[in-house]
Amino acid sequence: MPTSTNAPRPDRDNQELRLAVLLLALALGLMATAAAVYLALVHPSVAEPLGVGAAVLGALTSGAALIVRVLRLRR
């Protein structure tokens, strides 16, 4: 059976925009990580607070990802 030609096609512009935003977020994250590593090397006294901050940020990020997945499954 042939597919319907009336079916809506996925919008490629949305995918390109999402990819651009994802790459920008990745670049920003890498720059922030590099800055934190440099700061920890230059000032060793801030290494432990940076580690704690990174752990908290990781926990918050994983929690947000879990919430998003649960909300998407409920739709």
N, C-alpha and C. Protein backbone atom coordinates (compact mmCIF):
# COMPACT_ATOMS: atom_id res chain seq x y z
N MET A 1 0.84 -1.17 0.00
CA MET A 1 0.00 0.00 0.00
C MET A 1 0.90 1.24 0.00
N PRO A 2 0.69 2.16 -0.91
CA PRO A 2 1.56 3.35 -0.96
C PRO A 2 1.27 4.29 0.20
N THR A 3 2.30 5.00 0.56
CA THR A 3 2.12 5.96 1.66
C THR A 3 1.35 7.17 1.18
N SER A 4 0.68 7.82 2.09
CA SER A 4 -0.12 8.98 1.75
C SER A 4 0.79 10.18 1.50
N THR A 5 0.51 10.91 0.43
CA THR A 5 1.29 12.11 0.14
C THR A 5 0.77 13.31 0.92
N ASN A 6 -0.37 13.13 1.58
CA ASN A 6 -0.94 14.22 2.36
C ASN A 6 -0.40 14.27 3.79
N ALA A 7 0.40 13.30 4.17
CA ALA A 7 0.93 13.27 5.53
C ALA A 7 1.93 14.42 5.70
N PRO A 8 1.86 15.09 6.83
CA PRO A 8 2.80 16.21 7.05
C PRO A 8 4.23 15.70 7.19
N ARG A 9 5.15 16.45 6.61
CA ARG A 9 6.57 16.09 6.70
C ARG A 9 7.18 16.78 7.91
N PRO A 10 8.20 16.15 8.50
CA PRO A 10 8.85 16.81 9.64
C PRO A 10 9.56 18.08 9.18
N ASP A 11 9.50 19.08 10.01
CA ASP A 11 10.10 20.37 9.69
C ASP A 11 11.61 20.29 9.92
N ARG A 12 12.39 20.39 8.84
CA ARG A 12 13.85 20.28 8.95
C ARG A 12 14.46 21.52 9.60
N ASP A 13 13.80 22.67 9.50
CA ASP A 13 14.34 23.88 10.11
C ASP A 13 14.39 23.74 11.62
N ASN A 14 13.39 23.09 12.19
CA ASN A 14 13.39 22.87 13.63
C ASN A 14 14.56 22.01 14.06
N GLN A 15 14.87 20.99 13.27
CA GLN A 15 15.98 20.11 13.61
C GLN A 15 17.31 20.86 13.53
N GLU A 16 17.46 21.71 12.54
CA GLU A 16 18.70 22.47 12.41
C GLU A 16 18.85 23.45 13.56
N LEU A 17 17.75 24.08 13.96
CA LEU A 17 17.79 25.01 15.09
C LEU A 17 18.12 24.27 16.38
N ARG A 18 17.53 23.11 16.58
CA ARG A 18 17.83 22.33 17.77
C ARG A 18 19.29 21.92 17.80
N LEU A 19 19.83 21.52 16.66
CA LEU A 19 21.23 21.13 16.59
C LEU A 19 22.13 22.32 16.90
N ALA A 20 21.81 23.49 16.38
CA ALA A 20 22.62 24.68 16.64
C ALA A 20 22.58 25.05 18.13
N VAL A 21 21.41 24.98 18.74
CA VAL A 21 21.29 25.29 20.17
C VAL A 21 22.05 24.26 20.99
N LEU A 22 21.96 22.99 20.61
CA LEU A 22 22.68 21.94 21.32
C LEU A 22 24.19 22.14 21.23
N LEU A 23 24.68 22.48 20.05
CA LEU A 23 26.11 22.71 19.89
C LEU A 23 26.58 23.94 20.66
N LEU A 24 25.78 24.99 20.68
CA LEU A 24 26.13 26.17 21.47
C LEU A 24 26.15 25.86 22.96
N ALA A 25 25.19 25.08 23.43
CA ALA A 25 25.16 24.69 24.84
C ALA A 25 26.37 23.82 25.18
N LEU A 26 26.75 22.94 24.27
CA LEU A 26 27.92 22.10 24.48
C LEU A 26 29.19 22.95 24.55
N ALA A 27 29.32 23.91 23.64
CA ALA A 27 30.49 24.80 23.66
C ALA A 27 30.54 25.61 24.94
N LEU A 28 29.40 26.10 25.40
CA LEU A 28 29.35 26.87 26.64
C LEU A 28 29.73 25.99 27.83
N GLY A 29 29.24 24.78 27.85
CA GLY A 29 29.59 23.85 28.93
C GLY A 29 31.07 23.52 28.95
N LEU A 30 31.66 23.33 27.77
CA LEU A 30 33.09 23.04 27.70
C LEU A 30 33.92 24.25 28.15
N MET A 31 33.49 25.45 27.79
CA MET A 31 34.21 26.65 28.22
C MET A 31 34.12 26.82 29.74
N ALA A 32 32.96 26.56 30.31
CA ALA A 32 32.80 26.67 31.76
C ALA A 32 33.65 25.63 32.48
N THR A 33 33.70 24.43 31.93
CA THR A 33 34.52 23.37 32.53
C THR A 33 36.00 23.73 32.46
N ALA A 34 36.43 24.24 31.32
CA ALA A 34 37.83 24.65 31.17
C ALA A 34 38.18 25.78 32.13
N ALA A 35 37.26 26.72 32.31
CA ALA A 35 37.50 27.82 33.24
C ALA A 35 37.60 27.31 34.68
N ALA A 36 36.76 26.36 35.05
CA ALA A 36 36.81 25.80 36.40
C ALA A 36 38.10 25.03 36.64
N VAL A 37 38.54 24.28 35.65
CA VAL A 37 39.80 23.54 35.78
C VAL A 37 40.97 24.51 35.89
N TYR A 38 40.98 25.54 35.07
CA TYR A 38 42.05 26.53 35.14
C TYR A 38 42.06 27.22 36.51
N LEU A 39 40.89 27.58 36.99
CA LEU A 39 40.79 28.23 38.29
C LEU A 39 41.28 27.32 39.40
N ALA A 40 40.98 26.04 39.33
CA ALA A 40 41.43 25.09 40.34
C ALA A 40 42.94 24.89 40.28
N LEU A 41 43.52 24.98 39.08
CA LEU A 41 44.97 24.84 38.97
C LEU A 41 45.70 26.09 39.49
N VAL A 42 45.15 27.25 39.22
CA VAL A 42 45.80 28.49 39.64
C VAL A 42 45.60 28.72 41.14
N HIS A 43 44.41 28.44 41.64
CA HIS A 43 44.09 28.64 43.05
C HIS A 43 43.62 27.30 43.64
N PRO A 44 44.55 26.50 44.14
CA PRO A 44 44.17 25.17 44.65
C PRO A 44 43.19 25.20 45.82
N SER A 45 43.07 26.32 46.51
CA SER A 45 42.16 26.37 47.66
C SER A 45 40.69 26.32 47.24
N VAL A 46 40.38 26.63 45.99
CA VAL A 46 38.99 26.60 45.54
C VAL A 46 38.63 25.29 44.84
N ALA A 47 39.56 24.35 44.81
CA ALA A 47 39.31 23.09 44.11
C ALA A 47 38.18 22.30 44.77
N GLU A 48 38.17 22.24 46.10
CA GLU A 48 37.13 21.46 46.79
C GLU A 48 35.74 22.10 46.63
N PRO A 49 35.58 23.42 46.81
CA PRO A 49 34.25 24.00 46.56
C PRO A 49 33.79 23.84 45.12
N LEU A 50 34.73 23.90 44.17
CA LEU A 50 34.34 23.68 42.78
C LEU A 50 33.87 22.24 42.56
N GLY A 51 34.52 21.30 43.22
CA GLY A 51 34.10 19.90 43.11
C GLY A 51 32.71 19.68 43.68
N VAL A 52 32.43 20.31 44.82
CA VAL A 52 31.10 20.19 45.42
C VAL A 52 30.06 20.84 44.51
N GLY A 53 30.39 22.01 43.97
CA GLY A 53 29.46 22.68 43.06
C GLY A 53 29.18 21.85 41.82
N ALA A 54 30.23 21.21 41.28
CA ALA A 54 30.04 20.36 40.10
C ALA A 54 29.16 19.15 40.42
N ALA A 55 29.34 18.58 41.61
CA ALA A 55 28.51 17.44 42.01
C ALA A 55 27.05 17.84 42.16
N VAL A 56 26.82 18.99 42.77
CA VAL A 56 25.44 19.47 42.93
C VAL A 56 24.81 19.77 41.58
N LEU A 57 25.58 20.42 40.70
CA LEU A 57 25.06 20.73 39.36
C LEU A 57 24.74 19.45 38.59
N GLY A 58 25.59 18.45 38.70
CA GLY A 58 25.32 17.17 38.05
C GLY A 58 24.06 16.51 38.57
N ALA A 59 23.88 16.57 39.89
CA ALA A 59 22.67 15.98 40.49
C ALA A 59 21.42 16.72 40.03
N LEU A 60 21.49 18.04 39.99
CA LEU A 60 20.33 18.82 39.53
C LEU A 60 20.02 18.55 38.06
N THR A 61 21.04 18.42 37.25
CA THR A 61 20.85 18.15 35.83
C THR A 61 20.22 16.78 35.62
N SER A 62 20.72 15.78 36.33
CA SER A 62 20.13 14.44 36.17
C SER A 62 18.70 14.40 36.70
N GLY A 63 18.43 15.13 37.76
CA GLY A 63 17.06 15.20 38.27
C GLY A 63 16.12 15.86 37.28
N ALA A 64 16.58 16.94 36.65
CA ALA A 64 15.76 17.62 35.65
C ALA A 64 15.51 16.71 34.44
N ALA A 65 16.54 15.97 34.03
CA ALA A 65 16.38 15.04 32.90
C ALA A 65 15.36 13.95 33.24
N LEU A 66 15.39 13.47 34.46
CA LEU A 66 14.43 12.45 34.89
C LEU A 66 13.01 13.00 34.89
N ILE A 67 12.85 14.22 35.37
CA ILE A 67 11.52 14.85 35.38
C ILE A 67 10.99 15.05 33.97
N VAL A 68 11.85 15.47 33.06
CA VAL A 68 11.44 15.66 31.67
C VAL A 68 11.00 14.34 31.05
N ARG A 69 11.74 13.28 31.32
CA ARG A 69 11.36 11.98 30.76
C ARG A 69 10.01 11.51 31.30
N VAL A 70 9.78 11.70 32.58
CA VAL A 70 8.51 11.28 33.18
C VAL A 70 7.37 12.10 32.58
N LEU A 71 7.57 13.39 32.42
CA LEU A 71 6.50 14.23 31.85
C LEU A 71 6.23 13.87 30.39
N ARG A 72 7.25 13.52 29.64
CA ARG A 72 7.04 13.13 28.23
C ARG A 72 6.31 11.80 28.13
N LEU A 73 6.58 10.89 29.04
CA LEU A 73 5.90 9.59 28.99
C LEU A 73 4.42 9.72 29.35
N ARG A 74 4.07 10.70 30.14
CA ARG A 74 2.67 10.88 30.55
C ARG A 74 1.80 11.48 29.45
N ARG A 75 2.41 12.07 28.46
CA ARG A 75 1.62 12.69 27.39
C ARG A 75 1.01 11.69 26.50
